[in-house]
N, C-alpha and C. Protein backbone atom coordinates (compact mmCIF):
# COMPACT_ATOMS: atom_id res chain seq x y z
N MET A 1 -41.36 -53.92 -7.68
CA MET A 1 -41.48 -54.41 -6.32
C MET A 1 -40.10 -54.81 -5.80
N LYS A 2 -39.79 -54.42 -4.58
CA LYS A 2 -38.48 -54.71 -4.00
C LYS A 2 -38.57 -55.87 -3.03
N LYS A 3 -37.45 -56.57 -2.89
CA LYS A 3 -37.39 -57.68 -1.95
C LYS A 3 -36.99 -57.14 -0.58
N LEU A 4 -37.65 -57.63 0.45
CA LEU A 4 -37.35 -57.21 1.80
C LEU A 4 -35.89 -57.49 2.15
N SER A 5 -35.37 -58.61 1.73
CA SER A 5 -33.98 -58.95 2.05
C SER A 5 -33.01 -57.94 1.44
N ASP A 6 -33.31 -57.43 0.24
CA ASP A 6 -32.46 -56.42 -0.39
C ASP A 6 -32.52 -55.10 0.36
N ILE A 7 -33.70 -54.77 0.85
CA ILE A 7 -33.86 -53.52 1.61
C ILE A 7 -33.09 -53.60 2.92
N LEU A 8 -33.24 -54.71 3.62
CA LEU A 8 -32.56 -54.86 4.91
C LEU A 8 -31.04 -54.93 4.75
N ALA A 9 -30.59 -55.38 3.60
CA ALA A 9 -29.14 -55.47 3.36
C ALA A 9 -28.47 -54.10 3.36
N VAL A 10 -29.22 -53.05 3.06
CA VAL A 10 -28.63 -51.71 3.03
C VAL A 10 -29.07 -50.84 4.22
N ALA A 11 -29.77 -51.44 5.16
CA ALA A 11 -30.18 -50.71 6.37
C ALA A 11 -28.99 -50.55 7.31
N CYS A 12 -29.09 -49.60 8.23
CA CYS A 12 -28.04 -49.46 9.23
C CYS A 12 -28.01 -50.74 10.08
N SER A 13 -26.89 -51.00 10.72
CA SER A 13 -26.75 -52.26 11.45
C SER A 13 -27.78 -52.39 12.58
N GLU A 14 -28.04 -51.31 13.28
CA GLU A 14 -29.02 -51.36 14.36
C GLU A 14 -30.43 -51.64 13.82
N GLY A 15 -30.78 -50.97 12.73
CA GLY A 15 -32.10 -51.19 12.12
C GLY A 15 -32.24 -52.58 11.55
N ARG A 16 -31.18 -53.06 10.89
CA ARG A 16 -31.20 -54.41 10.31
C ARG A 16 -31.37 -55.45 11.41
N LYS A 17 -30.65 -55.27 12.51
CA LYS A 17 -30.75 -56.22 13.63
C LYS A 17 -32.18 -56.24 14.17
N TRP A 18 -32.78 -55.04 14.33
CA TRP A 18 -34.14 -54.96 14.86
C TRP A 18 -35.14 -55.61 13.90
N ALA A 19 -34.98 -55.40 12.59
CA ALA A 19 -35.97 -55.85 11.61
C ALA A 19 -35.83 -57.32 11.19
N THR A 20 -34.67 -57.90 11.40
CA THR A 20 -34.44 -59.27 10.96
C THR A 20 -35.47 -60.22 11.57
N GLY A 21 -36.07 -61.03 10.71
CA GLY A 21 -37.07 -62.01 11.15
C GLY A 21 -38.49 -61.48 11.18
N LYS A 22 -38.65 -60.20 10.88
CA LYS A 22 -39.99 -59.60 10.88
C LYS A 22 -40.54 -59.53 9.46
N SER A 23 -41.85 -59.55 9.34
CA SER A 23 -42.49 -59.36 8.04
C SER A 23 -42.52 -57.87 7.71
N VAL A 24 -42.86 -57.56 6.48
CA VAL A 24 -42.98 -56.15 6.08
C VAL A 24 -44.00 -55.44 6.97
N GLY A 25 -45.13 -56.07 7.20
CA GLY A 25 -46.16 -55.47 8.05
C GLY A 25 -45.68 -55.26 9.47
N GLU A 26 -45.00 -56.25 10.02
CA GLU A 26 -44.46 -56.11 11.38
C GLU A 26 -43.48 -54.96 11.46
N ILE A 27 -42.62 -54.85 10.46
CA ILE A 27 -41.65 -53.75 10.45
C ILE A 27 -42.39 -52.42 10.43
N TRP A 28 -43.34 -52.28 9.51
CA TRP A 28 -44.02 -50.99 9.36
C TRP A 28 -44.84 -50.63 10.60
N TYR A 29 -45.60 -51.57 11.12
CA TYR A 29 -46.52 -51.24 12.22
C TYR A 29 -45.87 -51.19 13.59
N THR A 30 -44.68 -51.75 13.74
CA THR A 30 -44.06 -51.77 15.08
C THR A 30 -42.73 -51.02 15.15
N CYS A 31 -42.28 -50.47 14.06
CA CYS A 31 -41.00 -49.76 14.05
C CYS A 31 -41.02 -48.66 15.11
N PRO A 32 -40.00 -48.63 15.98
CA PRO A 32 -40.01 -47.68 17.09
C PRO A 32 -39.43 -46.31 16.78
N ARG A 33 -38.91 -46.11 15.57
CA ARG A 33 -38.24 -44.84 15.28
C ARG A 33 -38.76 -44.19 14.00
N ALA A 34 -39.08 -42.90 14.11
CA ALA A 34 -39.61 -42.17 12.96
C ALA A 34 -38.58 -42.07 11.84
N ASP A 35 -37.32 -41.86 12.17
CA ASP A 35 -36.32 -41.75 11.11
C ASP A 35 -36.17 -43.08 10.37
N TRP A 36 -36.31 -44.18 11.04
CA TRP A 36 -36.27 -45.48 10.38
C TRP A 36 -37.48 -45.66 9.46
N LEU A 37 -38.66 -45.26 9.94
CA LEU A 37 -39.85 -45.36 9.10
C LEU A 37 -39.68 -44.56 7.82
N MET A 38 -39.17 -43.34 7.95
CA MET A 38 -38.97 -42.50 6.77
C MET A 38 -37.96 -43.14 5.82
N TRP A 39 -36.88 -43.67 6.37
CA TRP A 39 -35.88 -44.33 5.53
C TRP A 39 -36.50 -45.53 4.82
N PHE A 40 -37.23 -46.34 5.55
CA PHE A 40 -37.84 -47.54 4.98
C PHE A 40 -38.81 -47.15 3.86
N ALA A 41 -39.66 -46.15 4.12
CA ALA A 41 -40.63 -45.71 3.11
C ALA A 41 -39.92 -45.21 1.86
N LYS A 42 -38.87 -44.43 2.04
CA LYS A 42 -38.12 -43.91 0.89
C LYS A 42 -37.45 -45.06 0.14
N THR A 43 -36.88 -46.00 0.86
CA THR A 43 -36.15 -47.10 0.25
C THR A 43 -37.07 -48.03 -0.53
N VAL A 44 -38.29 -48.25 -0.05
CA VAL A 44 -39.20 -49.15 -0.77
C VAL A 44 -39.85 -48.47 -1.96
N GLY A 45 -39.77 -47.15 -2.03
CA GLY A 45 -40.29 -46.46 -3.21
C GLY A 45 -41.60 -45.72 -3.02
N VAL A 46 -41.91 -45.30 -1.81
CA VAL A 46 -43.11 -44.47 -1.58
C VAL A 46 -42.96 -43.18 -2.37
N SER A 47 -44.05 -42.64 -2.85
CA SER A 47 -44.00 -41.44 -3.69
C SER A 47 -43.33 -40.28 -2.95
N ASP A 48 -42.63 -39.49 -3.73
CA ASP A 48 -41.94 -38.32 -3.19
C ASP A 48 -42.93 -37.39 -2.48
N LYS A 49 -44.11 -37.23 -3.05
CA LYS A 49 -45.11 -36.35 -2.44
C LYS A 49 -45.47 -36.81 -1.03
N ASN A 50 -45.76 -38.10 -0.88
CA ASN A 50 -46.12 -38.62 0.44
C ASN A 50 -44.96 -38.53 1.42
N LEU A 51 -43.75 -38.78 0.93
CA LEU A 51 -42.57 -38.67 1.80
C LEU A 51 -42.38 -37.24 2.28
N ARG A 52 -42.48 -36.29 1.35
CA ARG A 52 -42.26 -34.89 1.71
C ARG A 52 -43.35 -34.38 2.66
N LEU A 53 -44.60 -34.79 2.43
CA LEU A 53 -45.67 -34.37 3.34
C LEU A 53 -45.50 -35.01 4.72
N ALA A 54 -45.04 -36.24 4.77
CA ALA A 54 -44.76 -36.88 6.06
C ALA A 54 -43.63 -36.14 6.78
N GLY A 55 -42.63 -35.67 6.03
CA GLY A 55 -41.57 -34.87 6.62
C GLY A 55 -42.12 -33.59 7.24
N CYS A 56 -43.06 -32.96 6.56
CA CYS A 56 -43.70 -31.76 7.12
C CYS A 56 -44.50 -32.11 8.37
N ASP A 57 -45.20 -33.24 8.34
CA ASP A 57 -45.95 -33.69 9.53
C ASP A 57 -45.01 -33.84 10.72
N CYS A 58 -43.85 -34.45 10.48
CA CYS A 58 -42.87 -34.63 11.55
C CYS A 58 -42.37 -33.28 12.06
N ALA A 59 -42.06 -32.38 11.15
CA ALA A 59 -41.56 -31.07 11.56
C ALA A 59 -42.60 -30.33 12.41
N ARG A 60 -43.87 -30.51 12.11
CA ARG A 60 -44.92 -29.84 12.91
C ARG A 60 -44.90 -30.30 14.38
N THR A 61 -44.44 -31.51 14.63
CA THR A 61 -44.41 -31.98 16.02
C THR A 61 -43.42 -31.19 16.86
N ALA A 62 -42.49 -30.50 16.23
CA ALA A 62 -41.51 -29.69 16.96
C ALA A 62 -42.02 -28.29 17.27
N LEU A 63 -43.13 -27.88 16.68
CA LEU A 63 -43.62 -26.51 16.86
C LEU A 63 -43.87 -26.11 18.31
N PRO A 64 -44.38 -27.01 19.17
CA PRO A 64 -44.57 -26.59 20.56
C PRO A 64 -43.29 -26.18 21.27
N TYR A 65 -42.15 -26.58 20.73
CA TYR A 65 -40.86 -26.28 21.36
C TYR A 65 -40.11 -25.15 20.65
N ALA A 66 -40.73 -24.57 19.64
CA ALA A 66 -40.04 -23.60 18.80
C ALA A 66 -39.84 -22.24 19.46
N GLY A 67 -40.64 -21.94 20.47
CA GLY A 67 -40.49 -20.65 21.16
C GLY A 67 -40.57 -19.49 20.19
N LYS A 68 -39.59 -18.59 20.25
CA LYS A 68 -39.61 -17.39 19.40
C LYS A 68 -39.46 -17.72 17.92
N ASN A 69 -39.06 -18.94 17.60
CA ASN A 69 -38.91 -19.35 16.20
C ASN A 69 -40.19 -19.92 15.60
N ARG A 70 -41.26 -19.97 16.37
CA ARG A 70 -42.49 -20.63 15.91
C ARG A 70 -43.01 -20.07 14.58
N ALA A 71 -43.13 -18.76 14.47
CA ALA A 71 -43.69 -18.17 13.25
C ALA A 71 -42.83 -18.50 12.04
N VAL A 72 -41.53 -18.45 12.20
CA VAL A 72 -40.61 -18.78 11.11
C VAL A 72 -40.79 -20.24 10.71
N CYS A 73 -40.90 -21.12 11.69
CA CYS A 73 -41.06 -22.55 11.41
C CYS A 73 -42.37 -22.83 10.69
N VAL A 74 -43.45 -22.21 11.18
CA VAL A 74 -44.76 -22.42 10.57
C VAL A 74 -44.74 -21.96 9.11
N LYS A 75 -44.16 -20.80 8.85
CA LYS A 75 -44.10 -20.29 7.47
C LYS A 75 -43.32 -21.23 6.56
N ALA A 76 -42.21 -21.75 7.03
CA ALA A 76 -41.41 -22.67 6.21
C ALA A 76 -42.17 -23.95 5.91
N ILE A 77 -42.82 -24.51 6.92
CA ILE A 77 -43.57 -25.76 6.73
C ILE A 77 -44.77 -25.52 5.80
N GLU A 78 -45.50 -24.44 6.02
CA GLU A 78 -46.66 -24.15 5.17
C GLU A 78 -46.27 -23.89 3.73
N LYS A 79 -45.17 -23.20 3.53
CA LYS A 79 -44.67 -22.95 2.16
C LYS A 79 -44.34 -24.29 1.50
N ALA A 80 -43.69 -25.17 2.25
CA ALA A 80 -43.35 -26.49 1.71
C ALA A 80 -44.61 -27.27 1.35
N GLU A 81 -45.59 -27.27 2.23
CA GLU A 81 -46.83 -28.02 1.97
C GLU A 81 -47.54 -27.50 0.72
N ARG A 82 -47.58 -26.17 0.56
CA ARG A 82 -48.21 -25.61 -0.64
C ARG A 82 -47.47 -26.05 -1.90
N ALA A 83 -46.16 -26.00 -1.86
CA ALA A 83 -45.37 -26.40 -3.02
C ALA A 83 -45.56 -27.88 -3.33
N ILE A 84 -45.51 -28.71 -2.31
CA ILE A 84 -45.68 -30.16 -2.49
C ILE A 84 -47.04 -30.46 -3.11
N ASN A 85 -48.08 -29.86 -2.55
CA ASN A 85 -49.44 -30.12 -3.05
C ASN A 85 -49.66 -29.58 -4.46
N ALA A 86 -48.84 -28.62 -4.87
CA ALA A 86 -48.92 -28.08 -6.23
C ALA A 86 -47.97 -28.83 -7.18
N GLY A 87 -47.27 -29.83 -6.66
CA GLY A 87 -46.36 -30.61 -7.49
C GLY A 87 -45.04 -29.92 -7.77
N ARG A 88 -44.66 -28.97 -6.93
CA ARG A 88 -43.41 -28.24 -7.13
C ARG A 88 -42.44 -28.55 -6.01
N PHE A 89 -41.17 -28.26 -6.28
CA PHE A 89 -40.13 -28.32 -5.25
C PHE A 89 -39.80 -26.91 -4.85
N LEU A 90 -39.48 -26.71 -3.60
CA LEU A 90 -39.01 -25.40 -3.16
C LEU A 90 -37.55 -25.24 -3.53
N LYS A 91 -37.17 -24.07 -3.84
CA LYS A 91 -35.75 -23.76 -4.00
C LYS A 91 -35.19 -23.64 -2.59
N ASP A 92 -33.99 -24.17 -2.37
CA ASP A 92 -33.38 -24.08 -1.05
C ASP A 92 -33.22 -22.64 -0.58
N ASN A 93 -33.17 -21.71 -1.51
CA ASN A 93 -32.94 -20.33 -1.12
C ASN A 93 -34.22 -19.50 -1.01
N CYS A 94 -35.38 -20.13 -0.94
CA CYS A 94 -36.59 -19.33 -0.77
C CYS A 94 -36.55 -18.67 0.60
N LYS A 95 -37.20 -17.54 0.73
CA LYS A 95 -37.06 -16.74 1.95
C LYS A 95 -37.51 -17.47 3.21
N GLU A 96 -38.52 -18.33 3.12
CA GLU A 96 -38.97 -19.06 4.30
C GLU A 96 -37.94 -20.07 4.78
N VAL A 97 -37.32 -20.76 3.84
CA VAL A 97 -36.29 -21.72 4.21
C VAL A 97 -35.07 -21.00 4.77
N GLU A 98 -34.69 -19.91 4.13
CA GLU A 98 -33.54 -19.15 4.63
C GLU A 98 -33.79 -18.63 6.04
N ALA A 99 -35.02 -18.17 6.32
CA ALA A 99 -35.35 -17.68 7.66
C ALA A 99 -35.27 -18.80 8.69
N ALA A 100 -35.74 -19.99 8.32
CA ALA A 100 -35.67 -21.12 9.24
C ALA A 100 -34.22 -21.51 9.50
N TRP A 101 -33.39 -21.48 8.46
CA TRP A 101 -31.97 -21.78 8.66
C TRP A 101 -31.31 -20.75 9.57
N ARG A 102 -31.63 -19.46 9.37
CA ARG A 102 -31.05 -18.41 10.23
C ARG A 102 -31.46 -18.63 11.68
N ALA A 103 -32.73 -19.00 11.90
CA ALA A 103 -33.20 -19.26 13.26
C ALA A 103 -32.45 -20.44 13.87
N TYR A 104 -32.20 -21.44 13.06
CA TYR A 104 -31.45 -22.60 13.57
C TYR A 104 -30.02 -22.22 13.93
N PHE A 105 -29.32 -21.60 13.00
CA PHE A 105 -27.91 -21.29 13.25
C PHE A 105 -27.74 -20.23 14.34
N GLY A 106 -28.75 -19.39 14.54
CA GLY A 106 -28.66 -18.36 15.57
C GLY A 106 -29.12 -18.82 16.94
N GLY A 107 -29.65 -20.03 17.03
CA GLY A 107 -30.24 -20.48 18.28
C GLY A 107 -29.42 -21.44 19.10
N GLY A 108 -28.22 -21.74 18.67
CA GLY A 108 -27.39 -22.67 19.44
C GLY A 108 -28.02 -24.04 19.50
N SER A 109 -28.04 -24.62 20.70
CA SER A 109 -28.59 -25.97 20.84
C SER A 109 -29.96 -25.96 21.51
N SER A 110 -30.66 -24.83 21.47
CA SER A 110 -31.97 -24.75 22.11
C SER A 110 -33.00 -25.59 21.37
N ALA A 111 -34.09 -25.90 22.05
CA ALA A 111 -35.18 -26.63 21.42
C ALA A 111 -35.76 -25.82 20.27
N GLY A 112 -35.84 -24.51 20.43
CA GLY A 112 -36.34 -23.65 19.36
C GLY A 112 -35.48 -23.72 18.12
N ALA A 113 -34.16 -23.79 18.32
CA ALA A 113 -33.25 -23.91 17.18
C ALA A 113 -33.44 -25.26 16.50
N ARG A 114 -33.63 -26.29 17.29
CA ARG A 114 -33.83 -27.62 16.70
C ARG A 114 -35.16 -27.70 15.96
N ALA A 115 -36.17 -27.00 16.46
CA ALA A 115 -37.45 -26.94 15.75
C ALA A 115 -37.26 -26.24 14.41
N ALA A 116 -36.47 -25.17 14.39
CA ALA A 116 -36.19 -24.46 13.14
C ALA A 116 -35.44 -25.37 12.17
N TYR A 117 -34.53 -26.18 12.69
CA TYR A 117 -33.79 -27.16 11.88
C TYR A 117 -34.78 -28.11 11.21
N ALA A 118 -35.73 -28.63 11.99
CA ALA A 118 -36.72 -29.56 11.45
C ALA A 118 -37.55 -28.88 10.37
N ALA A 119 -37.98 -27.64 10.63
CA ALA A 119 -38.80 -26.92 9.65
C ALA A 119 -38.03 -26.65 8.37
N ALA A 120 -36.79 -26.23 8.50
CA ALA A 120 -35.98 -25.93 7.31
C ALA A 120 -35.75 -27.20 6.49
N HIS A 121 -35.48 -28.30 7.16
CA HIS A 121 -35.27 -29.55 6.44
C HIS A 121 -36.55 -30.04 5.78
N ALA A 122 -37.68 -29.90 6.47
CA ALA A 122 -38.94 -30.31 5.86
C ALA A 122 -39.22 -29.46 4.62
N ALA A 123 -39.01 -28.15 4.75
CA ALA A 123 -39.27 -27.26 3.63
C ALA A 123 -38.35 -27.54 2.46
N ALA A 124 -37.12 -27.88 2.75
CA ALA A 124 -36.16 -28.15 1.68
C ALA A 124 -36.29 -29.58 1.14
N GLY A 125 -37.09 -30.41 1.78
CA GLY A 125 -37.31 -31.77 1.29
C GLY A 125 -36.32 -32.79 1.79
N CYS A 126 -35.59 -32.49 2.85
CA CYS A 126 -34.63 -33.44 3.43
C CYS A 126 -35.37 -34.28 4.46
N LEU A 127 -36.01 -35.32 4.02
CA LEU A 127 -37.00 -36.03 4.83
C LEU A 127 -36.48 -36.64 6.11
N LEU A 128 -35.39 -37.37 6.03
CA LEU A 128 -34.88 -38.01 7.23
C LEU A 128 -34.45 -36.96 8.23
N SER A 129 -33.89 -35.88 7.74
CA SER A 129 -33.43 -34.82 8.64
C SER A 129 -34.59 -34.11 9.33
N SER A 130 -35.73 -33.97 8.64
CA SER A 130 -36.86 -33.32 9.30
C SER A 130 -37.40 -34.18 10.43
N ALA A 131 -37.46 -35.49 10.22
CA ALA A 131 -37.90 -36.38 11.30
C ALA A 131 -36.89 -36.38 12.44
N TYR A 132 -35.61 -36.43 12.09
CA TYR A 132 -34.57 -36.40 13.11
C TYR A 132 -34.58 -35.08 13.87
N GLY A 133 -34.67 -33.98 13.14
CA GLY A 133 -34.67 -32.66 13.79
C GLY A 133 -35.86 -32.45 14.70
N ALA A 134 -37.02 -32.88 14.26
CA ALA A 134 -38.21 -32.76 15.10
C ALA A 134 -38.07 -33.60 16.36
N GLY A 135 -37.56 -34.80 16.20
CA GLY A 135 -37.35 -35.67 17.36
C GLY A 135 -36.34 -35.09 18.33
N ARG A 136 -35.27 -34.52 17.80
CA ARG A 136 -34.25 -33.90 18.67
C ARG A 136 -34.83 -32.68 19.39
N ALA A 137 -35.63 -31.88 18.71
CA ALA A 137 -36.23 -30.70 19.35
C ALA A 137 -37.11 -31.13 20.52
N ALA A 138 -37.93 -32.15 20.27
CA ALA A 138 -38.82 -32.62 21.32
C ALA A 138 -38.05 -33.26 22.46
N ALA A 139 -37.05 -34.06 22.12
CA ALA A 139 -36.25 -34.72 23.16
C ALA A 139 -35.52 -33.68 24.02
N PHE A 140 -34.98 -32.67 23.38
CA PHE A 140 -34.27 -31.62 24.10
C PHE A 140 -35.22 -30.88 25.04
N ALA A 141 -36.40 -30.55 24.53
CA ALA A 141 -37.35 -29.76 25.32
C ALA A 141 -38.01 -30.57 26.44
N THR A 142 -38.12 -31.87 26.25
CA THR A 142 -38.86 -32.68 27.23
C THR A 142 -37.95 -33.57 28.06
N GLY A 143 -36.66 -33.38 27.95
CA GLY A 143 -35.73 -34.19 28.72
C GLY A 143 -35.64 -35.62 28.24
N GLY A 144 -35.89 -35.85 26.95
CA GLY A 144 -35.70 -37.18 26.38
C GLY A 144 -36.95 -38.02 26.26
N SER A 145 -38.11 -37.44 26.47
CA SER A 145 -39.35 -38.18 26.36
C SER A 145 -39.52 -38.77 24.97
N GLY A 146 -39.97 -40.00 24.89
CA GLY A 146 -40.19 -40.66 23.61
C GLY A 146 -41.54 -40.36 23.00
N LYS A 147 -42.34 -39.54 23.67
CA LYS A 147 -43.69 -39.24 23.19
C LYS A 147 -43.68 -38.60 21.81
N ALA A 148 -42.73 -37.68 21.57
CA ALA A 148 -42.68 -37.01 20.27
C ALA A 148 -42.36 -38.00 19.16
N ASN A 149 -41.44 -38.92 19.41
CA ASN A 149 -41.11 -39.94 18.41
C ASN A 149 -42.33 -40.82 18.14
N GLU A 150 -43.04 -41.20 19.19
CA GLU A 150 -44.25 -42.01 19.01
C GLU A 150 -45.27 -41.26 18.16
N GLU A 151 -45.41 -39.96 18.41
CA GLU A 151 -46.35 -39.15 17.63
C GLU A 151 -45.92 -39.07 16.17
N MET A 152 -44.62 -38.89 15.93
CA MET A 152 -44.14 -38.85 14.55
C MET A 152 -44.39 -40.18 13.85
N CYS A 153 -44.15 -41.28 14.52
CA CYS A 153 -44.42 -42.59 13.93
C CYS A 153 -45.90 -42.72 13.57
N ARG A 154 -46.76 -42.26 14.45
CA ARG A 154 -48.20 -42.30 14.19
C ARG A 154 -48.56 -41.46 12.95
N LEU A 155 -47.98 -40.26 12.87
CA LEU A 155 -48.27 -39.38 11.74
C LEU A 155 -47.75 -39.95 10.43
N ILE A 156 -46.57 -40.53 10.46
CA ILE A 156 -46.00 -41.14 9.25
C ILE A 156 -46.90 -42.29 8.79
N ARG A 157 -47.32 -43.12 9.73
CA ARG A 157 -48.17 -44.27 9.37
C ARG A 157 -49.55 -43.82 8.90
N ARG A 158 -50.00 -42.68 9.35
CA ARG A 158 -51.28 -42.15 8.87
C ARG A 158 -51.14 -41.66 7.43
N ARG A 159 -50.03 -41.04 7.13
CA ARG A 159 -49.79 -40.49 5.79
C ARG A 159 -49.39 -41.60 4.81
N ILE A 160 -48.56 -42.53 5.27
CA ILE A 160 -48.06 -43.62 4.43
C ILE A 160 -48.57 -44.92 5.06
N THR A 161 -49.59 -45.48 4.49
CA THR A 161 -50.24 -46.63 5.12
C THR A 161 -49.46 -47.92 4.91
N GLY A 162 -49.76 -48.87 5.76
CA GLY A 162 -49.16 -50.19 5.64
C GLY A 162 -49.50 -50.84 4.31
N LYS A 163 -50.70 -50.59 3.81
CA LYS A 163 -51.09 -51.16 2.51
C LYS A 163 -50.21 -50.60 1.40
N MET A 164 -49.89 -49.31 1.48
CA MET A 164 -49.01 -48.71 0.48
C MET A 164 -47.64 -49.40 0.50
N ILE A 165 -47.13 -49.61 1.71
CA ILE A 165 -45.82 -50.24 1.87
C ILE A 165 -45.85 -51.68 1.36
N GLU A 166 -46.86 -52.43 1.75
CA GLU A 166 -46.93 -53.84 1.40
C GLU A 166 -47.08 -54.06 -0.11
N LYS A 167 -47.61 -53.07 -0.84
CA LYS A 167 -47.70 -53.17 -2.30
C LYS A 167 -46.34 -53.00 -2.98
N LEU A 168 -45.40 -52.42 -2.24
CA LEU A 168 -44.08 -52.12 -2.83
C LEU A 168 -43.00 -53.12 -2.48
N VAL A 169 -43.28 -54.03 -1.53
CA VAL A 169 -42.26 -54.97 -1.04
C VAL A 169 -42.80 -56.38 -1.11
N ARG A 170 -41.93 -57.29 -1.49
CA ARG A 170 -42.32 -58.71 -1.47
C ARG A 170 -41.41 -59.48 -0.55
């Protein structure tokens, strides 16, 4: 079990400032940023499986903005989910991940490219990056709407419950 004060000591300054004075439950249930939730869950010791599946959930929120990259993104995320549920890790060079990376690097700063970034990171297991990439894809496509971030926070909290978090922190 980890101490909340130890966790906050290694948080980014903005996150630490926001969380100071809050209980573990308050932090988990009111945190306004998906990337912070993922960081917090990873730092307190949530299982790798739940973290990786939450990363895939976040990447899926970028699919509406993927445009021509949608099929590539879906394949990368689905491949990751199958591997995670089978207890395996994907190799970074699997064809689905490579295709998602190619879509990202070939797409410039478009929302579709950012969706591919989120999918590739989710498939490769880079959890914070998948939440960040999905949020950036949605923000780019919607002119900065916070709805996608709110949805990712909801999905993360559905996958990683407050009870799970509270069992890991004192």
